[in-house]
N, C-alpha and C. Protein backbone atom coordinates (compact mmCIF):
# COMPACT_ATOMS: atom_id res chain seq x y z
N MET A 1 -1.96 28.81 -4.90
CA MET A 1 -2.47 29.69 -3.87
C MET A 1 -1.60 29.60 -2.63
N LYS A 2 -1.43 30.74 -1.98
CA LYS A 2 -0.64 30.79 -0.76
C LYS A 2 -1.42 30.19 0.40
N SER A 3 -0.71 29.89 1.45
CA SER A 3 -1.35 29.39 2.67
C SER A 3 -2.21 30.51 3.27
N PRO A 4 -3.40 30.19 3.77
CA PRO A 4 -4.25 31.23 4.37
C PRO A 4 -3.58 31.95 5.53
N ASN A 5 -2.70 31.26 6.26
CA ASN A 5 -2.00 31.90 7.37
C ASN A 5 -0.95 32.90 6.89
N ASN A 6 -0.49 32.77 5.64
CA ASN A 6 0.45 33.74 5.09
C ASN A 6 -0.25 34.94 4.48
N VAL A 7 -1.51 34.79 4.10
CA VAL A 7 -2.26 35.90 3.50
C VAL A 7 -2.77 36.83 4.60
N ILE A 8 -3.41 36.28 5.63
CA ILE A 8 -3.94 37.08 6.72
C ILE A 8 -2.90 37.12 7.83
N ILE A 9 -2.40 38.33 8.11
CA ILE A 9 -1.35 38.48 9.11
C ILE A 9 -1.94 38.54 10.51
N ARG A 10 -2.94 39.43 10.72
CA ARG A 10 -3.56 39.55 12.04
C ARG A 10 -4.88 40.28 11.91
N PRO A 11 -5.81 40.05 12.84
CA PRO A 11 -7.04 40.84 12.85
C PRO A 11 -6.76 42.21 13.48
N LEU A 12 -7.49 43.21 13.05
CA LEU A 12 -7.36 44.55 13.61
C LEU A 12 -8.47 44.74 14.65
N LEU A 13 -8.09 44.84 15.90
CA LEU A 13 -9.04 44.90 17.00
C LEU A 13 -9.08 46.31 17.58
N THR A 14 -9.61 47.25 16.82
CA THR A 14 -9.81 48.60 17.31
C THR A 14 -11.28 48.79 17.65
N GLU A 15 -11.59 49.87 18.34
CA GLU A 15 -12.97 50.13 18.72
C GLU A 15 -13.86 50.30 17.48
N LYS A 16 -13.36 51.00 16.48
CA LYS A 16 -14.11 51.21 15.24
C LYS A 16 -14.39 49.88 14.53
N ASN A 17 -13.38 49.03 14.46
CA ASN A 17 -13.54 47.75 13.76
C ASN A 17 -14.46 46.80 14.51
N LEU A 18 -14.44 46.84 15.85
CA LEU A 18 -15.34 45.98 16.62
C LEU A 18 -16.79 46.43 16.48
N GLN A 19 -17.02 47.73 16.34
CA GLN A 19 -18.38 48.23 16.10
C GLN A 19 -18.86 47.81 14.71
N ALA A 20 -17.97 47.87 13.71
CA ALA A 20 -18.33 47.43 12.35
C ALA A 20 -18.64 45.94 12.33
N LYS A 21 -17.93 45.18 13.14
CA LYS A 21 -18.18 43.74 13.23
C LYS A 21 -19.58 43.47 13.79
N GLU A 22 -19.97 44.21 14.81
CA GLU A 22 -21.28 44.00 15.43
C GLU A 22 -22.43 44.50 14.56
N LYS A 23 -22.28 45.69 13.98
CA LYS A 23 -23.38 46.31 13.24
C LYS A 23 -23.51 45.80 11.81
N HIS A 24 -22.38 45.69 11.10
CA HIS A 24 -22.41 45.41 9.67
C HIS A 24 -21.85 44.05 9.29
N ASN A 25 -21.47 43.24 10.29
CA ASN A 25 -20.90 41.91 10.03
C ASN A 25 -19.66 42.01 9.14
N THR A 26 -18.81 43.02 9.44
CA THR A 26 -17.61 43.28 8.66
C THR A 26 -16.38 43.08 9.54
N LEU A 27 -15.40 42.35 9.03
CA LEU A 27 -14.16 42.08 9.76
C LEU A 27 -13.03 42.88 9.14
N ALA A 28 -12.02 43.24 9.95
CA ALA A 28 -10.87 43.98 9.45
C ALA A 28 -9.59 43.18 9.75
N PHE A 29 -8.73 43.08 8.75
CA PHE A 29 -7.49 42.32 8.89
C PHE A 29 -6.32 43.10 8.30
N GLU A 30 -5.13 42.86 8.85
CA GLU A 30 -3.90 43.25 8.17
C GLU A 30 -3.54 42.05 7.30
N VAL A 31 -3.30 42.31 6.02
CA VAL A 31 -3.04 41.22 5.08
C VAL A 31 -1.68 41.44 4.40
N SER A 32 -1.23 40.43 3.71
CA SER A 32 0.02 40.50 2.98
C SER A 32 -0.05 41.56 1.89
N LYS A 33 1.06 42.25 1.64
CA LYS A 33 1.05 43.36 0.68
C LYS A 33 0.76 42.92 -0.74
N ASN A 34 1.07 41.67 -1.09
CA ASN A 34 0.84 41.22 -2.45
C ASN A 34 -0.36 40.28 -2.57
N ALA A 35 -1.26 40.32 -1.59
CA ALA A 35 -2.47 39.48 -1.64
C ALA A 35 -3.57 40.23 -2.37
N GLY A 36 -4.33 39.50 -3.19
CA GLY A 36 -5.46 40.07 -3.91
C GLY A 36 -6.76 39.80 -3.17
N LYS A 37 -7.84 40.40 -3.69
CA LYS A 37 -9.15 40.26 -3.05
C LYS A 37 -9.62 38.80 -3.02
N ILE A 38 -9.38 38.08 -4.10
CA ILE A 38 -9.83 36.69 -4.18
C ILE A 38 -9.08 35.83 -3.17
N GLU A 39 -7.78 36.03 -3.06
CA GLU A 39 -6.98 35.28 -2.08
C GLU A 39 -7.42 35.58 -0.65
N ILE A 40 -7.73 36.85 -0.37
CA ILE A 40 -8.17 37.23 0.96
C ILE A 40 -9.50 36.57 1.29
N ALA A 41 -10.43 36.59 0.34
CA ALA A 41 -11.75 35.97 0.56
C ALA A 41 -11.61 34.47 0.80
N GLN A 42 -10.80 33.80 0.01
CA GLN A 42 -10.61 32.36 0.17
C GLN A 42 -9.95 32.04 1.50
N SER A 43 -9.02 32.88 1.94
CA SER A 43 -8.34 32.65 3.21
C SER A 43 -9.29 32.79 4.39
N VAL A 44 -10.15 33.82 4.35
CA VAL A 44 -11.12 34.01 5.43
C VAL A 44 -12.11 32.85 5.46
N GLU A 45 -12.54 32.40 4.29
CA GLU A 45 -13.50 31.30 4.25
C GLU A 45 -12.89 30.01 4.80
N THR A 46 -11.62 29.73 4.52
CA THR A 46 -11.02 28.49 5.02
C THR A 46 -10.65 28.59 6.50
N LEU A 47 -10.16 29.74 6.95
CA LEU A 47 -9.75 29.86 8.35
C LEU A 47 -10.94 29.92 9.30
N PHE A 48 -11.97 30.67 8.95
CA PHE A 48 -13.09 30.89 9.87
C PHE A 48 -14.35 30.13 9.49
N LYS A 49 -14.30 29.38 8.38
CA LYS A 49 -15.42 28.55 7.93
C LYS A 49 -16.72 29.34 7.82
N THR A 50 -16.66 30.48 7.11
CA THR A 50 -17.82 31.31 6.83
C THR A 50 -17.82 31.65 5.35
N LYS A 51 -18.87 32.29 4.87
CA LYS A 51 -18.97 32.72 3.48
C LYS A 51 -18.77 34.23 3.41
N VAL A 52 -17.99 34.68 2.42
CA VAL A 52 -17.65 36.09 2.26
C VAL A 52 -18.52 36.69 1.17
N GLU A 53 -19.06 37.89 1.44
CA GLU A 53 -19.85 38.60 0.45
C GLU A 53 -19.01 39.60 -0.32
N ASP A 54 -18.16 40.37 0.37
CA ASP A 54 -17.43 41.47 -0.26
C ASP A 54 -16.09 41.68 0.43
N VAL A 55 -15.09 42.11 -0.34
CA VAL A 55 -13.77 42.44 0.21
C VAL A 55 -13.36 43.81 -0.30
N ARG A 56 -12.97 44.69 0.62
CA ARG A 56 -12.43 46.00 0.27
C ARG A 56 -11.00 46.06 0.78
N VAL A 57 -10.09 46.63 -0.01
CA VAL A 57 -8.68 46.63 0.32
C VAL A 57 -8.15 48.07 0.32
N ILE A 58 -7.31 48.39 1.31
CA ILE A 58 -6.71 49.71 1.45
C ILE A 58 -5.21 49.56 1.67
N ASN A 59 -4.42 50.32 0.93
CA ASN A 59 -2.98 50.39 1.17
C ASN A 59 -2.72 51.54 2.12
N VAL A 60 -2.16 51.24 3.30
CA VAL A 60 -1.87 52.25 4.31
C VAL A 60 -0.39 52.62 4.17
N MET A 61 -0.14 53.89 3.87
CA MET A 61 1.23 54.35 3.69
C MET A 61 1.88 54.63 5.04
N GLY A 62 3.16 54.30 5.16
CA GLY A 62 3.90 54.54 6.40
C GLY A 62 4.15 56.02 6.60
N LYS A 63 4.17 56.46 7.86
CA LYS A 63 4.36 57.86 8.19
C LYS A 63 5.83 58.15 8.47
N LYS A 64 6.24 59.39 8.24
CA LYS A 64 7.57 59.83 8.63
C LYS A 64 7.57 60.11 10.13
N LYS A 65 8.57 59.62 10.82
CA LYS A 65 8.70 59.83 12.26
C LYS A 65 10.10 60.31 12.58
N ARG A 66 10.21 61.13 13.61
CA ARG A 66 11.51 61.65 14.03
C ARG A 66 11.79 61.27 15.47
N MET A 67 13.05 61.03 15.76
CA MET A 67 13.54 60.88 17.14
C MET A 67 14.73 61.81 17.26
N GLY A 68 14.47 63.01 17.75
CA GLY A 68 15.53 64.02 17.81
C GLY A 68 15.87 64.47 16.40
N ARG A 69 17.12 64.37 16.04
CA ARG A 69 17.53 64.79 14.70
C ARG A 69 17.48 63.67 13.68
N PHE A 70 17.12 62.46 14.10
CA PHE A 70 17.08 61.32 13.20
C PHE A 70 15.66 61.14 12.67
N GLU A 71 15.57 60.90 11.38
CA GLU A 71 14.27 60.72 10.74
C GLU A 71 14.17 59.31 10.18
N GLY A 72 13.00 58.74 10.32
CA GLY A 72 12.77 57.40 9.80
C GLY A 72 11.36 57.27 9.26
N MET A 73 11.01 56.08 8.84
CA MET A 73 9.68 55.82 8.30
C MET A 73 9.10 54.60 8.98
N ARG A 74 7.79 54.65 9.26
CA ARG A 74 7.08 53.45 9.66
C ARG A 74 6.83 52.64 8.40
N ARG A 75 6.54 51.38 8.57
CA ARG A 75 6.35 50.53 7.40
C ARG A 75 4.97 50.75 6.79
N SER A 76 4.87 50.55 5.48
CA SER A 76 3.58 50.57 4.79
C SER A 76 2.97 49.18 4.90
N TRP A 77 1.62 49.11 4.92
CA TRP A 77 0.95 47.83 5.06
C TRP A 77 -0.40 47.86 4.36
N LYS A 78 -1.05 46.72 4.29
CA LYS A 78 -2.30 46.59 3.57
C LYS A 78 -3.40 46.14 4.54
N LYS A 79 -4.56 46.79 4.44
CA LYS A 79 -5.71 46.50 5.29
C LYS A 79 -6.85 45.99 4.42
N ALA A 80 -7.59 45.01 4.93
CA ALA A 80 -8.73 44.46 4.20
C ALA A 80 -9.95 44.45 5.11
N TYR A 81 -11.07 44.96 4.57
CA TYR A 81 -12.37 44.87 5.23
C TYR A 81 -13.15 43.77 4.52
N VAL A 82 -13.55 42.75 5.27
CA VAL A 82 -14.23 41.58 4.71
C VAL A 82 -15.65 41.55 5.26
N LYS A 83 -16.65 41.63 4.38
CA LYS A 83 -18.05 41.58 4.79
C LYS A 83 -18.55 40.16 4.61
N LEU A 84 -19.16 39.62 5.67
CA LEU A 84 -19.69 38.27 5.63
C LEU A 84 -21.11 38.29 5.10
N ARG A 85 -21.54 37.17 4.52
CA ARG A 85 -22.91 37.06 4.01
C ARG A 85 -23.91 37.08 5.15
N LYS A 86 -25.15 37.46 4.83
CA LYS A 86 -26.21 37.45 5.84
C LYS A 86 -26.47 36.03 6.28
N GLY A 87 -26.74 35.88 7.55
CA GLY A 87 -27.03 34.57 8.11
C GLY A 87 -25.79 33.83 8.59
N GLN A 88 -24.60 34.34 8.30
CA GLN A 88 -23.38 33.69 8.77
C GLN A 88 -23.15 34.05 10.24
N LYS A 89 -22.66 33.09 11.00
CA LYS A 89 -22.41 33.36 12.41
C LYS A 89 -21.22 34.31 12.54
N PRO A 90 -21.23 35.19 13.55
CA PRO A 90 -20.11 36.11 13.72
C PRO A 90 -18.84 35.36 14.10
N VAL A 91 -17.72 35.86 13.65
CA VAL A 91 -16.43 35.23 13.90
C VAL A 91 -15.93 35.64 15.28
N GLU A 92 -15.49 34.64 16.05
CA GLU A 92 -14.86 34.90 17.34
C GLU A 92 -13.37 34.62 17.18
N TYR A 93 -12.55 35.67 17.34
CA TYR A 93 -11.11 35.54 17.11
C TYR A 93 -10.44 34.64 18.14
N PHE A 94 -10.88 34.71 19.39
CA PHE A 94 -10.21 33.99 20.47
C PHE A 94 -11.01 32.79 20.95
N GLU A 95 -11.68 32.14 20.02
CA GLU A 95 -12.55 31.02 20.35
C GLU A 95 -11.78 29.84 20.94
N GLY A 96 -10.60 29.58 20.47
CA GLY A 96 -9.85 28.40 20.89
C GLY A 96 -9.01 28.60 22.14
N LEU A 97 -9.02 29.78 22.74
CA LEU A 97 -8.18 30.03 23.91
C LEU A 97 -8.81 29.52 25.18
């Protein structure tokens, strides 16, 4: 198994994701492109010391972007929505700061 810090790249802190965290106890992360659902669940459980109920994974395709006559691509990445079990305390990302 990979290190949990290599599986989870960063939390996604958007307004939509923060509302999902409050209402549905669901967290959103950018994860490694070759990470599976089981690895993501195990990484969240070890890093945040909570129990995971469900993991949903989405591959986000990079968009074409132009700067004048030059065309390029943004990178593709993988997003994971992790639902915590009922009764688990909510995760605070910046607890140690």
